Amino acid sequence: MLLLLAELQAHSTARDEVKSVLEKLVISTQEEPGNIFYALHQQQAQPDIFMVYELYRDQAACDTHLQSAPLKAALQCMETLLAQPPKITFGDMLAHTSWPVAA
């Protein structure tokens, strides 16, 4: 499995709008066949920072997501709302406990 961890920092005045765009992206991504898990988090200490934790079956599934129309539209919409470009980190899963459940 492949992890994609994205960190996005909104301008303080755009926090709610960025949150809304990201929440919609969660809904569209759950329909992607190679997506295993997709979770949106907001930092407690710095609420302008959002983290998206994404698990994909393999690199091809992740690549499909990265080229998807909903993701491209979300990134375009957030272009002026973010304080800096998103930070993206990829990782290969080595071990895990049971799968997370929805809150």
PDB file of N, CA and C in Angstrom:
ATOM      1  N   MET A   1       0.834  -1.184   0.000  1.00  0.00           N
ATOM      2  CA  MET A   1       0.000   0.000   0.000  1.00  0.00           C
ATOM      3  C   MET A   1       0.874   1.241   0.000  1.00  0.00           C
ATOM      4  N   LEU A   2       0.301   2.303  -0.536  1.00  0.00           N
ATOM      5  CA  LEU A   2       1.019   3.564  -0.668  1.00  0.00           C
ATOM      6  C   LEU A   2       0.319   4.648   0.135  1.00  0.00           C
ATOM      7  N   LEU A   3       1.084   5.379   0.913  1.00  0.00           N
ATOM      8  CA  LEU A   3       0.582   6.512   1.679  1.00  0.00           C
ATOM      9  C   LEU A   3       0.901   7.796   0.942  1.00  0.00           C
ATOM     10  N   LEU A   4      -0.072   8.669   0.867  1.00  0.00           N
ATOM     11  CA  LEU A   4       0.150  10.041   0.429  1.00  0.00           C
ATOM     12  C   LEU A   4      -0.318  10.914   1.578  1.00  0.00           C
ATOM     13  N   LEU A   5       0.585  11.710   2.122  1.00  0.00           N
ATOM     14  CA  LEU A   5       0.261  12.625   3.207  1.00  0.00           C
ATOM     15  C   LEU A   5       0.416  14.039   2.665  1.00  0.00           C
ATOM     16  N   ALA A   6      -0.676  14.787   2.659  1.00  0.00           N
ATOM     17  CA  ALA A   6      -0.655  16.161   2.147  1.00  0.00           C
ATOM     18  C   ALA A   6      -0.899  17.125   3.294  1.00  0.00           C
ATOM     19  N   GLU A   7      -0.103  18.183   3.330  1.00  0.00           N
ATOM     20  CA  GLU A   7      -0.295  19.242   4.324  1.00  0.00           C
ATOM     21  C   GLU A   7      -0.562  20.536   3.572  1.00  0.00           C
ATOM     22  N   LEU A   8      -1.666  21.174   3.911  1.00  0.00           N
ATOM     23  CA  LEU A   8      -2.065  22.404   3.235  1.00  0.00           C
ATOM     24  C   LEU A   8      -2.275  23.493   4.269  1.00  0.00           C
ATOM     25  N   GLN A   9      -1.685  24.648   4.044  1.00  0.00           N
ATOM     26  CA  GLN A   9      -1.841  25.771   4.961  1.00  0.00           C
ATOM     27  C   GLN A   9      -2.678  26.850   4.290  1.00  0.00           C
ATOM     28  N   ALA A  10      -3.836  27.098   4.864  1.00  0.00           N
ATOM     29  CA  ALA A  10      -4.745  28.119   4.348  1.00  0.00           C
ATOM     30  C   ALA A  10      -4.343  29.489   4.867  1.00  0.00           C
ATOM     31  N   HIS A  11      -4.669  30.514   4.097  1.00  0.00           N
ATOM     32  CA  HIS A  11      -4.624  31.860   4.657  1.00  0.00           C
ATOM     33  C   HIS A  11      -5.691  31.885   5.748  1.00  0.00           C
ATOM     34  N   SER A  12      -5.441  32.568   6.840  1.00  0.00           N
ATOM     35  CA  SER A  12      -6.391  32.585   7.968  1.00  0.00           C
ATOM     36  C   SER A  12      -7.792  32.992   7.530  1.00  0.00           C
ATOM     37  N   THR A  13      -7.881  33.926   6.615  1.00  0.00           N
ATOM     38  CA  THR A  13      -9.184  34.405   6.154  1.00  0.00           C
ATOM     39  C   THR A  13      -9.888  33.405   5.239  1.00  0.00           C
ATOM     40  N   ALA A  14      -9.165  32.383   4.778  1.00  0.00           N
ATOM     41  CA  ALA A  14      -9.726  31.407   3.838  1.00  0.00           C
ATOM     42  C   ALA A  14      -9.878  30.022   4.463  1.00  0.00           C
ATOM     43  N   ARG A  15      -9.653  29.913   5.760  1.00  0.00           N
ATOM     44  CA  ARG A  15      -9.670  28.608   6.439  1.00  0.00           C
ATOM     45  C   ARG A  15     -10.962  27.832   6.180  1.00  0.00           C
ATOM     46  N   ASP A  16     -12.104  28.473   6.374  1.00  0.00           N
ATOM     47  CA  ASP A  16     -13.379  27.771   6.208  1.00  0.00           C
ATOM     48  C   ASP A  16     -13.605  27.341   4.763  1.00  0.00           C
ATOM     49  N   GLU A  17     -13.190  28.159   3.826  1.00  0.00           N
ATOM     50  CA  GLU A  17     -13.362  27.822   2.411  1.00  0.00           C
ATOM     51  C   GLU A  17     -12.474  26.638   2.020  1.00  0.00           C
ATOM     52  N   VAL A  18     -11.230  26.626   2.502  1.00  0.00           N
ATOM     53  CA  VAL A  18     -10.329  25.501   2.235  1.00  0.00           C
ATOM     54  C   VAL A  18     -10.898  24.230   2.856  1.00  0.00           C
ATOM     55  N   LYS A  19     -11.387  24.328   4.070  1.00  0.00           N
ATOM     56  CA  LYS A  19     -11.982  23.173   4.745  1.00  0.00           C
ATOM     57  C   LYS A  19     -13.141  22.613   3.920  1.00  0.00           C
ATOM     58  N   SER A  20     -13.990  23.471   3.401  1.00  0.00           N
ATOM     59  CA  SER A  20     -15.131  23.045   2.602  1.00  0.00           C
ATOM     60  C   SER A  20     -14.686  22.337   1.319  1.00  0.00           C
ATOM     61  N   VAL A  21     -13.700  22.887   0.639  1.00  0.00           N
ATOM     62  CA  VAL A  21     -13.184  22.265  -0.590  1.00  0.00           C
ATOM     63  C   VAL A  21     -12.625  20.885  -0.275  1.00  0.00           C
ATOM     64  N   LEU A  22     -11.871  20.773   0.810  1.00  0.00           N
ATOM     65  CA  LEU A  22     -11.266  19.489   1.172  1.00  0.00           C
ATOM     66  C   LEU A  22     -12.316  18.460   1.598  1.00  0.00           C
ATOM     67  N   GLU A  23     -13.349  18.897   2.298  1.00  0.00           N
ATOM     68  CA  GLU A  23     -14.424  17.977   2.694  1.00  0.00           C
ATOM     69  C   GLU A  23     -15.118  17.394   1.461  1.00  0.00           C
ATOM     70  N   LYS A  24     -15.323  18.211   0.448  1.00  0.00           N
ATOM     71  CA  LYS A  24     -15.932  17.717  -0.795  1.00  0.00           C
ATOM     72  C   LYS A  24     -15.008  16.728  -1.501  1.00  0.00           C
ATOM     73  N   LEU A  25     -13.706  16.963  -1.399  1.00  0.00           N
ATOM     74  CA  LEU A  25     -12.748  16.063  -2.029  1.00  0.00           C
ATOM     75  C   LEU A  25     -12.767  14.686  -1.351  1.00  0.00           C
ATOM     76  N   VAL A  26     -12.993  14.654  -0.056  1.00  0.00           N
ATOM     77  CA  VAL A  26     -13.106  13.376   0.652  1.00  0.00           C
ATOM     78  C   VAL A  26     -14.247  12.556   0.052  1.00  0.00           C
ATOM     79  N   ILE A  27     -15.362  13.195  -0.206  1.00  0.00           N
ATOM     80  CA  ILE A  27     -16.533  12.500  -0.743  1.00  0.00           C
ATOM     81  C   ILE A  27     -16.248  11.940  -2.134  1.00  0.00           C
ATOM     82  N   SER A  28     -15.637  12.735  -2.996  1.00  0.00           N
ATOM     83  CA  SER A  28     -15.379  12.256  -4.360  1.00  0.00           C
ATOM     84  C   SER A  28     -14.298  11.176  -4.389  1.00  0.00           C
ATOM     85  N   THR A  29     -13.323  11.264  -3.513  1.00  0.00           N
ATOM     86  CA  THR A  29     -12.224  10.300  -3.521  1.00  0.00           C
ATOM     87  C   THR A  29     -12.670   8.919  -3.047  1.00  0.00           C
ATOM     88  N   GLN A  30     -13.651   8.856  -2.172  1.00  0.00           N
ATOM     89  CA  GLN A  30     -14.097   7.541  -1.680  1.00  0.00           C
ATOM     90  C   GLN A  30     -14.665   6.678  -2.802  1.00  0.00           C
ATOM     91  N   GLU A  31     -15.017   7.281  -3.931  1.00  0.00           N
ATOM     92  CA  GLU A  31     -15.545   6.534  -5.073  1.00  0.00           C
ATOM     93  C   GLU A  31     -14.442   5.942  -5.947  1.00  0.00           C
ATOM     94  N   GLU A  32     -13.202   6.343  -5.742  1.00  0.00           N
ATOM     95  CA  GLU A  32     -12.098   5.849  -6.564  1.00  0.00           C
ATOM     96  C   GLU A  32     -11.785   4.408  -6.175  1.00  0.00           C
ATOM     97  N   PRO A  33     -11.712   3.508  -7.155  1.00  0.00           N
ATOM     98  CA  PRO A  33     -11.553   2.083  -6.840  1.00  0.00           C
ATOM     99  C   PRO A  33     -10.252   1.731  -6.119  1.00  0.00           C
ATOM    100  N   GLY A  34      -9.184   2.448  -6.332  1.00  0.00           N
ATOM    101  CA  GLY A  34      -7.917   2.110  -5.690  1.00  0.00           C
ATOM    102  C   GLY A  34      -7.683   2.789  -4.357  1.00  0.00           C
ATOM    103  N   ASN A  35      -8.642   3.620  -3.929  1.00  0.00           N
ATOM    104  CA  ASN A  35      -8.507   4.306  -2.639  1.00  0.00           C
ATOM    105  C   ASN A  35      -8.936   3.381  -1.523  1.00  0.00           C
ATOM    106  N   ILE A  36      -8.090   3.239  -0.517  1.00  0.00           N
ATOM    107  CA  ILE A  36      -8.390   2.391   0.631  1.00  0.00           C
ATOM    108  C   ILE A  36      -8.900   3.227   1.805  1.00  0.00           C
ATOM    109  N   PHE A  37      -8.279   4.381   2.009  1.00  0.00           N
ATOM    110  CA  PHE A  37      -8.646   5.228   3.141  1.00  0.00           C
ATOM    111  C   PHE A  37      -8.260   6.662   2.810  1.00  0.00           C
ATOM    112  N   TYR A  38      -9.100   7.604   3.227  1.00  0.00           N
ATOM    113  CA  TYR A  38      -8.857   9.015   2.930  1.00  0.00           C
ATOM    114  C   TYR A  38      -9.428   9.802   4.096  1.00  0.00           C
ATOM    115  N   ALA A  39      -8.585  10.508   4.827  1.00  0.00           N
ATOM    116  CA  ALA A  39      -9.049  11.226   6.013  1.00  0.00           C
ATOM    117  C   ALA A  39      -8.510  12.649   6.024  1.00  0.00           C
ATOM    118  N   LEU A  40      -9.363  13.570   6.392  1.00  0.00           N
ATOM    119  CA  LEU A  40      -9.014  14.980   6.513  1.00  0.00           C
ATOM    120  C   LEU A  40      -8.873  15.326   7.987  1.00  0.00           C
ATOM    121  N   HIS A  41      -7.766  15.987   8.327  1.00  0.00           N
ATOM    122  CA  HIS A  41      -7.508  16.417   9.704  1.00  0.00           C
ATOM    123  C   HIS A  41      -7.189  17.911   9.703  1.00  0.00           C
ATOM    124  N   GLN A  42      -7.453  18.555  10.834  1.00  0.00           N
ATOM    125  CA  GLN A  42      -7.103  19.955  11.035  1.00  0.00           C
ATOM    126  C   GLN A  42      -6.226  20.028  12.277  1.00  0.00           C
ATOM    127  N   GLN A  43      -5.098  20.701  12.153  1.00  0.00           N
ATOM    128  CA  GLN A  43      -4.185  20.796  13.293  1.00  0.00           C
ATOM    129  C   GLN A  43      -4.851  21.534  14.446  1.00  0.00           C
ATOM    130  N   GLN A  44      -4.665  21.024  15.650  1.00  0.00           N
ATOM    131  CA  GLN A  44      -5.244  21.672  16.824  1.00  0.00           C
ATOM    132  C   GLN A  44      -4.501  22.958  17.169  1.00  0.00           C
ATOM    133  N   ALA A  45      -3.184  22.914  17.126  1.00  0.00           N
ATOM    134  CA  ALA A  45      -2.380  24.074  17.526  1.00  0.00           C
ATOM    135  C   ALA A  45      -2.367  25.169  16.457  1.00  0.00           C
ATOM    136  N   GLN A  46      -2.502  24.775  15.197  1.00  0.00           N
ATOM    137  CA  GLN A  46      -2.504  25.733  14.084  1.00  0.00           C
ATOM    138  C   GLN A  46      -3.663  25.377  13.153  1.00  0.00           C
ATOM    139  N   PRO A  47      -4.855  25.880  13.441  1.00  0.00           N
ATOM    140  CA  PRO A  47      -6.039  25.468  12.681  1.00  0.00           C
ATOM    141  C   PRO A  47      -6.062  25.883  11.211  1.00  0.00           C
ATOM    142  N   ASP A  48      -5.099  26.681  10.776  1.00  0.00           N
ATOM    143  CA  ASP A  48      -4.999  27.017   9.350  1.00  0.00           C
ATOM    144  C   ASP A  48      -4.349  25.879   8.559  1.00  0.00           C
ATOM    145  N   ILE A  49      -3.822  24.884   9.267  1.00  0.00           N
ATOM    146  CA  ILE A  49      -3.133  23.775   8.607  1.00  0.00           C
ATOM    147  C   ILE A  49      -4.031  22.542   8.590  1.00  0.00           C
ATOM    148  N   PHE A  50      -4.205  22.001   7.388  1.00  0.00           N
ATOM    149  CA  PHE A  50      -4.984  20.791   7.172  1.00  0.00           C
ATOM    150  C   PHE A  50      -4.055  19.678   6.707  1.00  0.00           C
ATOM    151  N   MET A  51      -4.345  18.467   7.141  1.00  0.00           N
ATOM    152  CA  MET A  51      -3.566  17.297   6.737  1.00  0.00           C
ATOM    153  C   MET A  51      -4.524  16.288   6.133  1.00  0.00           C
ATOM    154  N   VAL A  52      -4.147  15.748   5.001  1.00  0.00           N
ATOM    155  CA  VAL A  52      -4.957  14.723   4.346  1.00  0.00           C
ATOM    156  C   VAL A  52      -4.129  13.446   4.331  1.00  0.00           C
ATOM    157  N   TYR A  53      -4.670  12.407   4.961  1.00  0.00           N
ATOM    158  CA  TYR A  53      -4.022  11.103   5.062  1.00  0.00           C
ATOM    159  C   TYR A  53      -4.708  10.193   4.064  1.00  0.00           C
ATOM    160  N   GLU A  54      -3.950   9.721   3.065  1.00  0.00           N
ATOM    161  CA  GLU A  54      -4.533   8.947   1.974  1.00  0.00           C
ATOM    162  C   GLU A  54      -3.794   7.625   1.812  1.00  0.00           C
ATOM    163  N   LEU A  55      -4.538   6.530   1.714  1.00  0.00           N
ATOM    164  CA  LEU A  55      -3.953   5.222   1.442  1.00  0.00           C
ATOM    165  C   LEU A  55      -4.501   4.702   0.115  1.00  0.00           C
ATOM    166  N   TYR A  56      -3.589   4.221  -0.724  1.00  0.00           N
ATOM    167  CA  TYR A  56      -3.955   3.681  -2.028  1.00  0.00           C
ATOM    168  C   TYR A  56      -3.435   2.254  -2.169  1.00  0.00           C
ATOM    169  N   ARG A  57      -4.151   1.473  -2.951  1.00  0.00           N
ATOM    170  CA  ARG A  57      -3.786   0.083  -3.197  1.00  0.00           C
ATOM    171  C   ARG A  57      -2.364  -0.015  -3.731  1.00  0.00           C
ATOM    172  N   ASP A  58      -2.003   0.878  -4.654  1.00  0.00           N
ATOM    173  CA  ASP A  58      -0.683   0.850  -5.282  1.00  0.00           C
ATOM    174  C   ASP A  58      -0.402   2.195  -5.944  1.00  0.00           C
ATOM    175  N   GLN A  59       0.749   2.310  -6.566  1.00  0.00           N
ATOM    176  CA  GLN A  59       1.150   3.558  -7.208  1.00  0.00           C
ATOM    177  C   GLN A  59       0.179   3.954  -8.322  1.00  0.00           C
ATOM    178  N   ALA A  60      -0.287   2.974  -9.081  1.00  0.00           N
ATOM    179  CA  ALA A  60      -1.213   3.275 -10.178  1.00  0.00           C
ATOM    180  C   ALA A  60      -2.502   3.913  -9.653  1.00  0.00           C
ATOM    181  N   ALA A  61      -3.020   3.414  -8.538  1.00  0.00           N
ATOM    182  CA  ALA A  61      -4.236   3.980  -7.954  1.00  0.00           C
ATOM    183  C   ALA A  61      -3.988   5.412  -7.473  1.00  0.00           C
ATOM    184  N   CYS A  62      -2.833   5.650  -6.895  1.00  0.00           N
ATOM    185  CA  CYS A  62      -2.475   7.002  -6.451  1.00  0.00           C
ATOM    186  C   CYS A  62      -2.335   7.940  -7.646  1.00  0.00           C
ATOM    187  N   ASP A  63      -1.683   7.453  -8.693  1.00  0.00           N
ATOM    188  CA  ASP A  63      -1.522   8.261  -9.908  1.00  0.00           C
ATOM    189  C   ASP A  63      -2.877   8.620 -10.510  1.00  0.00           C
ATOM    190  N   THR A  64      -3.811   7.670 -10.494  1.00  0.00           N
ATOM    191  CA  THR A  64      -5.160   7.938 -11.001  1.00  0.00           C
ATOM    192  C   THR A  64      -5.805   9.057 -10.196  1.00  0.00           C
ATOM    193  N   HIS A  65      -5.649   9.016  -8.868  1.00  0.00           N
ATOM    194  CA  HIS A  65      -6.194  10.079  -8.021  1.00  0.00           C
ATOM    195  C   HIS A  65      -5.550  11.428  -8.348  1.00  0.00           C
ATOM    196  N   LEU A  66      -4.232  11.428  -8.508  1.00  0.00           N
ATOM    197  CA  LEU A  66      -3.523  12.682  -8.755  1.00  0.00           C
ATOM    198  C   LEU A  66      -3.911  13.313 -10.095  1.00  0.00           C
ATOM    199  N   GLN A  67      -4.424  12.504 -11.001  1.00  0.00           N
ATOM    200  CA  GLN A  67      -4.863  13.013 -12.311  1.00  0.00           C
ATOM    201  C   GLN A  67      -6.381  13.204 -12.389  1.00  0.00           C
ATOM    202  N   SER A  68      -7.084  12.948 -11.295  1.00  0.00           N
ATOM    203  CA  SER A  68      -8.545  13.012 -11.320  1.00  0.00           C
ATOM    204  C   SER A  68      -9.056  14.447 -11.460  1.00  0.00           C
ATOM    205  N   ALA A  69     -10.188  14.566 -12.122  1.00  0.00           N
ATOM    206  CA  ALA A  69     -10.818  15.880 -12.306  1.00  0.00           C
ATOM    207  C   ALA A  69     -11.185  16.542 -10.975  1.00  0.00           C
ATOM    208  N   PRO A  70     -11.746  15.802  -9.994  1.00  0.00           N
ATOM    209  CA  PRO A  70     -12.080  16.460  -8.722  1.00  0.00           C
ATOM    210  C   PRO A  70     -10.851  17.033  -8.003  1.00  0.00           C
ATOM    211  N   LEU A  71      -9.737  16.303  -8.025  1.00  0.00           N
ATOM    212  CA  LEU A  71      -8.536  16.817  -7.367  1.00  0.00           C
ATOM    213  C   LEU A  71      -8.009  18.042  -8.095  1.00  0.00           C
ATOM    214  N   LYS A  72      -7.947  17.975  -9.406  1.00  0.00           N
ATOM    215  CA  LYS A  72      -7.464  19.129 -10.179  1.00  0.00           C
ATOM    216  C   LYS A  72      -8.338  20.352  -9.940  1.00  0.00           C
ATOM    217  N   ALA A  73      -9.646  20.160  -9.890  1.00  0.00           N
ATOM    218  CA  ALA A  73     -10.562  21.273  -9.639  1.00  0.00           C
ATOM    219  C   ALA A  73     -10.362  21.847  -8.236  1.00  0.00           C
ATOM    220  N   ALA A  74     -10.171  20.963  -7.251  1.00  0.00           N
ATOM    221  CA  ALA A  74      -9.955  21.420  -5.872  1.00  0.00           C
ATOM    222  C   ALA A  74      -8.673  22.227  -5.759  1.00  0.00           C
ATOM    223  N   LEU A  75      -7.609  21.735  -6.368  1.00  0.00           N
ATOM    224  CA  LEU A  75      -6.336  22.454  -6.307  1.00  0.00           C
ATOM    225  C   LEU A  75      -6.428  23.802  -6.999  1.00  0.00           C
ATOM    226  N   GLN A  76      -7.127  23.846  -8.112  1.00  0.00           N
ATOM    227  CA  GLN A  76      -7.292  25.112  -8.816  1.00  0.00           C
ATOM    228  C   GLN A  76      -8.107  26.090  -7.971  1.00  0.00           C
ATOM    229  N   CYS A  77      -9.151  25.596  -7.346  1.00  0.00           N
ATOM    230  CA  CYS A  77      -9.994  26.435  -6.490  1.00  0.00           C
ATOM    231  C   CYS A  77      -9.214  26.992  -5.301  1.00  0.00           C
ATOM    232  N   MET A  78      -8.309  26.188  -4.756  1.00  0.00           N
ATOM    233  CA  MET A  78      -7.570  26.597  -3.556  1.00  0.00           C
ATOM    234  C   MET A  78      -6.296  27.379  -3.858  1.00  0.00           C
ATOM    235  N   GLU A  79      -5.963  27.525  -5.112  1.00  0.00           N
ATOM    236  CA  GLU A  79      -4.692  28.146  -5.487  1.00  0.00           C
ATOM    237  C   GLU A  79      -4.442  29.474  -4.772  1.00  0.00           C
ATOM    238  N   THR A  80      -5.427  30.337  -4.707  1.00  0.00           N
ATOM    239  CA  THR A  80      -5.243  31.642  -4.055  1.00  0.00           C
ATOM    240  C   THR A  80      -5.610  31.609  -2.574  1.00  0.00           C
ATOM    241  N   LEU A  81      -6.153  30.478  -2.098  1.00  0.00           N
ATOM    242  CA  LEU A  81      -6.588  30.362  -0.706  1.00  0.00           C
ATOM    243  C   LEU A  81      -5.491  29.836   0.209  1.00  0.00           C
ATOM    244  N   LEU A  82      -4.451  29.262  -0.388  1.00  0.00           N
ATOM    245  CA  LEU A  82      -3.371  28.653   0.387  1.00  0.00           C
ATOM    246  C   LEU A  82      -2.217  29.625   0.574  1.00  0.00           C
ATOM    247  N   ALA A  83      -1.602  29.573   1.741  1.00  0.00           N
ATOM    248  CA  ALA A  83      -0.459  30.436   2.054  1.00  0.00           C
ATOM    249  C   ALA A  83       0.812  29.980   1.348  1.00  0.00           C
ATOM    250  N   GLN A  84       0.849  28.700   0.958  1.00  0.00           N
ATOM    251  CA  GLN A  84       2.013  28.130   0.269  1.00  0.00           C
ATOM    252  C   GLN A  84       1.554  26.881  -0.475  1.00  0.00           C
ATOM    253  N   PRO A  85       2.348  26.385  -1.392  1.00  0.00           N
ATOM    254  CA  PRO A  85       1.951  25.157  -2.090  1.00  0.00           C
ATOM    255  C   PRO A  85       1.824  23.991  -1.107  1.00  0.00           C
ATOM    256  N   PRO A  86       0.944  23.030  -1.408  1.00  0.00           N
ATOM    257  CA  PRO A  86       0.804  21.864  -0.533  1.00  0.00           C
ATOM    258  C   PRO A  86       2.129  21.108  -0.403  1.00  0.00           C
ATOM    259  N   LYS A  87       2.367  20.579   0.794  1.00  0.00           N
ATOM    260  CA  LYS A  87       3.526  19.710   1.023  1.00  0.00           C
ATOM    261  C   LYS A  87       3.046  18.274   0.892  1.00  0.00           C
ATOM    262  N   ILE A  88       3.676  17.518   0.006  1.00  0.00           N
ATOM    263  CA  ILE A  88       3.255  16.150  -0.252  1.00  0.00           C
ATOM    264  C   ILE A  88       4.379  15.197   0.144  1.00  0.00           C
ATOM    265  N   THR A  89       4.025  14.153   0.895  1.00  0.00           N
ATOM    266  CA  THR A  89       4.974  13.118   1.302  1.00  0.00           C
ATOM    267  C   THR A  89       4.392  11.771   0.915  1.00  0.00           C
ATOM    268  N   PHE A  90       5.220  10.905   0.325  1.00  0.00           N
ATOM    269  CA  PHE A  90       4.810   9.553  -0.036  1.00  0.00           C
ATOM    270  C   PHE A  90       5.514   8.559   0.879  1.00  0.00           C
ATOM    271  N   GLY A  91       4.840   7.462   1.189  1.00  0.00           N
ATOM    272  CA  GLY A  91       5.448   6.432   2.021  1.00  0.00           C
ATOM    273  C   GLY A  91       4.917   5.056   1.665  1.00  0.00           C
ATOM    274  N   ASP A  92       5.760   4.060   1.867  1.00  0.00           N
ATOM    275  CA  ASP A  92       5.367   2.668   1.677  1.00  0.00           C
ATOM    276  C   ASP A  92       5.016   2.081   3.036  1.00  0.00           C
ATOM    277  N   MET A  93       3.891   1.393   3.131  1.00  0.00           N
ATOM    278  CA  MET A  93       3.458   0.817   4.397  1.00  0.00           C
ATOM    279  C   MET A  93       4.336  -0.375   4.767  1.00  0.00           C
ATOM    280  N   LEU A  94       4.795  -0.376   5.996  1.00  0.00           N
ATOM    281  CA  LEU A  94       5.618  -1.471   6.500  1.00  0.00           C
ATOM    282  C   LEU A  94       4.860  -2.353   7.481  1.00  0.00           C
ATOM    283  N   ALA A  95       3.968  -1.757   8.267  1.00  0.00           N
ATOM    284  CA  ALA A  95       3.191  -2.503   9.259  1.00  0.00           C
ATOM    285  C   ALA A  95       1.991  -1.656   9.636  1.00  0.00           C
ATOM    286  N   HIS A  96       0.966  -2.295  10.194  1.00  0.00           N
ATOM    287  CA  HIS A  96      -0.212  -1.534  10.639  1.00  0.00           C
ATOM    288  C   HIS A  96      -0.996  -2.334  11.669  1.00  0.00           C
ATOM    289  N   THR A  97      -1.841  -1.607  12.407  1.00  0.00           N
ATOM    290  CA  THR A  97      -2.794  -2.244  13.300  1.00  0.00           C
ATOM    291  C   THR A  97      -4.090  -2.414  12.517  1.00  0.00           C
ATOM    292  N   SER A  98      -5.198  -2.579  13.184  1.00  0.00           N
ATOM    293  CA  SER A  98      -6.466  -2.697  12.467  1.00  0.00           C
ATOM    294  C   SER A  98      -6.765  -1.388  11.756  1.00  0.00           C
ATOM    295  N   TRP A  99      -7.628  -1.458  10.743  1.00  0.00           N
ATOM    296  CA  TRP A  99      -7.935  -0.279   9.943  1.00  0.00           C
ATOM    297  C   TRP A  99      -8.704   0.744  10.754  1.00  0.00           C
ATOM    298  N   PRO A 100      -8.447   2.024  10.488  1.00  0.00           N
ATOM    299  CA  PRO A 100      -9.190   3.080  11.190  1.00  0.00           C
ATOM    300  C   PRO A 100     -10.684   3.016  10.845  1.00  0.00           C
ATOM    301  N   VAL A 101     -11.478   3.480  11.771  1.00  0.00           N
ATOM    302  CA  VAL A 101     -12.918   3.559  11.529  1.00  0.00           C
ATOM    303  C   VAL A 101     -13.328   5.009  11.503  1.00  0.00           C
ATOM    304  N   ALA A 102     -14.409   5.311  10.806  1.00  0.00           N
ATOM    305  CA  ALA A 102     -14.887   6.682  10.704  1.00  0.00           C
ATOM    306  C   ALA A 102     -15.283   7.206  12.068  1.00  0.00           C
ATOM    307  N   ALA A 103     -15.028   8.482  12.273  1.00  0.00           N
ATOM    308  CA  ALA A 103     -15.368   9.105  13.554  1.00  0.00           C
ATOM    309  C   ALA A 103     -16.837   9.392  13.644  1.00  0.00           C
TER     310      ALA A 103
END
